[in-house]
Amino acid sequence: MGLQAVGLPAAGPAMGVSMSRRVFAAVVAAAVLAAPLLLPAPSIAATAAPAAADKSVKKAKKPPTAGQLAARKRQKECGAEWKAAKKAGKIEKGMTWPKYWSACNKRLKAAGK
């Protein structure tokens, strides 16, 4: 009595083909199931963008304080002085804008500007 009498296929070349088909089908099925996990989810980025836009719409900018306005005015004034002095060649050797700005800002603050 052989395997065929019990209903099992006989071992041989036919068995190898059937097994390789099953292995191939299992590999393809695993790849199909794993593919969505490997791709970036566009829905997450799409839902995050409108949320960020809503926050910027809801949040209004605060008006600058008096101190900030005064600092901007001093910076513009010092910038104009720096450009004029640089153009006239009156800037000391080694003087940089940050150093000039610091000295000019102190001078204008002391003058009450």
C-alpha atoms as a PDB file:
ATOM      1  CA  MET A   1       0.000   0.000   0.000  1.00  0.00           C
ATOM      2  CA  GLY A   2       1.519   3.317  -1.090  1.00  0.00           C
ATOM      3  CA  LEU A   3       0.923   6.971  -0.313  1.00  0.00           C
ATOM      4  CA  GLN A   4      -1.404   7.264  -3.274  1.00  0.00           C
ATOM      5  CA  ALA A   5      -3.828   4.769  -1.743  1.00  0.00           C
ATOM      6  CA  VAL A   6      -4.201   7.002   1.343  1.00  0.00           C
ATOM      7  CA  GLY A   7      -4.784  10.098  -0.780  1.00  0.00           C
ATOM      8  CA  LEU A   8      -1.352  11.714  -0.453  1.00  0.00           C
ATOM      9  CA  PRO A   9       0.604  12.664  -3.565  1.00  0.00           C
ATOM     10  CA  ALA A  10       3.611  10.599  -4.449  1.00  0.00           C
ATOM     11  CA  ALA A  11       7.045  12.029  -3.829  1.00  0.00           C
ATOM     12  CA  GLY A  12       8.865  13.047  -6.987  1.00  0.00           C
ATOM     13  CA  PRO A  13       9.151  15.881  -9.508  1.00  0.00           C
ATOM     14  CA  ALA A  14       5.448  16.706  -9.248  1.00  0.00           C
ATOM     15  CA  MET A  15       5.804  17.181  -5.491  1.00  0.00           C
ATOM     16  CA  GLY A  16       8.691  19.667  -5.992  1.00  0.00           C
ATOM     17  CA  VAL A  17       6.688  21.812  -8.427  1.00  0.00           C
ATOM     18  CA  SER A  18       3.720  21.974  -6.099  1.00  0.00           C
ATOM     19  CA  MET A  19       5.918  22.905  -3.138  1.00  0.00           C
ATOM     20  CA  SER A  20       7.741  25.632  -5.054  1.00  0.00           C
ATOM     21  CA  ARG A  21       4.396  27.105  -6.165  1.00  0.00           C
ATOM     22  CA  ARG A  22       3.217  27.219  -2.568  1.00  0.00           C
ATOM     23  CA  VAL A  23       6.448  28.855  -1.410  1.00  0.00           C
ATOM     24  CA  PHE A  24       6.235  31.371  -4.228  1.00  0.00           C
ATOM     25  CA  ALA A  25       2.605  32.165  -3.375  1.00  0.00           C
ATOM     26  CA  ALA A  26       3.520  32.625   0.296  1.00  0.00           C
ATOM     27  CA  VAL A  27       6.362  35.006  -0.587  1.00  0.00           C
ATOM     28  CA  VAL A  28       4.114  37.053  -2.882  1.00  0.00           C
ATOM     29  CA  ALA A  29       1.379  37.206  -0.234  1.00  0.00           C
ATOM     30  CA  ALA A  30       3.875  38.363   2.407  1.00  0.00           C
ATOM     31  CA  ALA A  31       5.208  41.062   0.065  1.00  0.00           C
ATOM     32  CA  VAL A  32       1.701  42.307  -0.720  1.00  0.00           C
ATOM     33  CA  LEU A  33       0.848  42.494   2.968  1.00  0.00           C
ATOM     34  CA  ALA A  34       4.122  44.202   3.931  1.00  0.00           C
ATOM     35  CA  ALA A  35       4.153  46.792   1.088  1.00  0.00           C
ATOM     36  CA  PRO A  36       1.783  49.300   2.777  1.00  0.00           C
ATOM     37  CA  LEU A  37       3.943  49.239   5.901  1.00  0.00           C
ATOM     38  CA  LEU A  38       7.039  50.253   3.941  1.00  0.00           C
ATOM     39  CA  LEU A  39       5.447  53.199   2.097  1.00  0.00           C
ATOM     40  CA  PRO A  40       5.095  56.610   3.789  1.00  0.00           C
ATOM     41  CA  ALA A  41       1.561  57.450   4.799  1.00  0.00           C
ATOM     42  CA  PRO A  42       0.450  60.537   2.816  1.00  0.00           C
ATOM     43  CA  SER A  43      -2.687  60.883   4.913  1.00  0.00           C
ATOM     44  CA  ILE A  44      -0.645  61.817   7.999  1.00  0.00           C
ATOM     45  CA  ALA A  45       1.108  64.669   6.171  1.00  0.00           C
ATOM     46  CA  ALA A  46      -2.146  65.796   4.585  1.00  0.00           C
ATOM     47  CA  THR A  47      -3.922  66.005   7.930  1.00  0.00           C
ATOM     48  CA  ALA A  48      -0.999  67.764   9.665  1.00  0.00           C
ATOM     49  CA  ALA A  49      -0.825  70.628   7.144  1.00  0.00           C
ATOM     50  CA  PRO A  50      -4.361  71.965   7.727  1.00  0.00           C
ATOM     51  CA  ALA A  51      -3.838  71.765  11.491  1.00  0.00           C
ATOM     52  CA  ALA A  52      -0.714  73.912  11.204  1.00  0.00           C
ATOM     53  CA  ALA A  53      -2.582  76.383   8.995  1.00  0.00           C
ATOM     54  CA  ASP A  54      -5.371  76.638  11.564  1.00  0.00           C
ATOM     55  CA  LYS A  55      -2.910  77.519  14.328  1.00  0.00           C
ATOM     56  CA  SER A  56      -1.393  80.348  12.285  1.00  0.00           C
ATOM     57  CA  VAL A  57      -4.836  81.700  11.450  1.00  0.00           C
ATOM     58  CA  LYS A  58      -6.013  81.623  15.063  1.00  0.00           C
ATOM     59  CA  LYS A  59      -2.846  83.145  16.468  1.00  0.00           C
ATOM     60  CA  ALA A  60      -2.686  86.870  15.776  1.00  0.00           C
ATOM     61  CA  LYS A  61       0.607  88.727  16.011  1.00  0.00           C
ATOM     62  CA  LYS A  62       1.116  90.931  18.997  1.00  0.00           C
ATOM     63  CA  PRO A  63       1.944  94.555  18.241  1.00  0.00           C
ATOM     64  CA  PRO A  64       5.554  95.482  19.050  1.00  0.00           C
ATOM     65  CA  THR A  65       6.188  97.053  22.420  1.00  0.00           C
ATOM     66  CA  ALA A  66       7.469 100.599  22.845  1.00  0.00           C
ATOM     67  CA  GLY A  67      10.930  99.215  23.669  1.00  0.00           C
ATOM     68  CA  GLN A  68      10.979  97.132  20.489  1.00  0.00           C
ATOM     69  CA  LEU A  69       9.922 100.114  18.395  1.00  0.00           C
ATOM     70  CA  ALA A  70      12.641 102.259  19.984  1.00  0.00           C
ATOM     71  CA  ALA A  71      15.266  99.553  19.357  1.00  0.00           C
ATOM     72  CA  ARG A  72      14.264  99.311  15.703  1.00  0.00           C
ATOM     73  CA  LYS A  73      14.466 103.078  15.340  1.00  0.00           C
ATOM     74  CA  ARG A  74      17.948 103.127  16.915  1.00  0.00           C
ATOM     75  CA  GLN A  75      19.094 100.273  14.695  1.00  0.00           C
ATOM     76  CA  LYS A  76      17.934 102.062  11.547  1.00  0.00           C
ATOM     77  CA  GLU A  77      19.610 105.288  12.673  1.00  0.00           C
ATOM     78  CA  CYS A  78      22.860 103.498  13.516  1.00  0.00           C
ATOM     79  CA  GLY A  79      22.686 101.641  10.197  1.00  0.00           C
ATOM     80  CA  ALA A  80      22.409 104.913   8.298  1.00  0.00           C
ATOM     81  CA  GLU A  81      25.359 106.335  10.271  1.00  0.00           C
ATOM     82  CA  TRP A  82      27.405 103.170   9.606  1.00  0.00           C
ATOM     83  CA  LYS A  83      26.779 103.328   5.853  1.00  0.00           C
ATOM     84  CA  ALA A  84      27.645 107.031   5.680  1.00  0.00           C
ATOM     85  CA  ALA A  85      30.813 106.626   7.762  1.00  0.00           C
ATOM     86  CA  LYS A  86      31.900 103.573   5.795  1.00  0.00           C
ATOM     87  CA  LYS A  87      31.333 105.363   2.501  1.00  0.00           C
ATOM     88  CA  ALA A  88      33.360 108.358   3.731  1.00  0.00           C
ATOM     89  CA  GLY A  89      36.142 106.067   4.991  1.00  0.00           C
ATOM     90  CA  LYS A  90      35.777 107.179   8.613  1.00  0.00           C
ATOM     91  CA  ILE A  91      35.433 103.676  10.074  1.00  0.00           C
ATOM     92  CA  GLU A  92      38.384 102.640  12.233  1.00  0.00           C
ATOM     93  CA  LYS A  93      40.375  99.619  11.115  1.00  0.00           C
ATOM     94  CA  GLY A  94      39.019  96.441  12.702  1.00  0.00           C
ATOM     95  CA  MET A  95      35.592  97.980  13.418  1.00  0.00           C
ATOM     96  CA  THR A  96      32.741  95.637  12.484  1.00  0.00           C
ATOM     97  CA  TRP A  97      29.019  96.284  12.323  1.00  0.00           C
ATOM     98  CA  PRO A  98      28.284  94.452  15.617  1.00  0.00           C
ATOM     99  CA  LYS A  99      30.906  96.528  17.443  1.00  0.00           C
ATOM    100  CA  TYR A 100      29.667  99.740  15.823  1.00  0.00           C
ATOM    101  CA  TRP A 101      26.045  98.856  16.587  1.00  0.00           C
ATOM    102  CA  SER A 102      26.865  98.206  20.232  1.00  0.00           C
ATOM    103  CA  ALA A 103      28.646 101.563  20.660  1.00  0.00           C
ATOM    104  CA  CYS A 104      26.031 103.484  18.674  1.00  0.00           C
ATOM    105  CA  ASN A 105      23.148 101.863  20.548  1.00  0.00           C
ATOM    106  CA  LYS A 106      24.679 102.786  23.908  1.00  0.00           C
ATOM    107  CA  ARG A 107      25.246 106.335  22.712  1.00  0.00           C
ATOM    108  CA  LEU A 108      21.676 106.757  21.449  1.00  0.00           C
ATOM    109  CA  LYS A 109      20.202 105.208  24.618  1.00  0.00           C
ATOM    110  CA  ALA A 110      22.227 107.622  26.741  1.00  0.00           C
ATOM    111  CA  ALA A 111      20.886 110.479  24.613  1.00  0.00           C
ATOM    112  CA  GLY A 112      17.336 109.286  25.379  1.00  0.00           C
ATOM    113  CA  LYS A 113      16.435 108.006  21.932  1.00  0.00           C
END
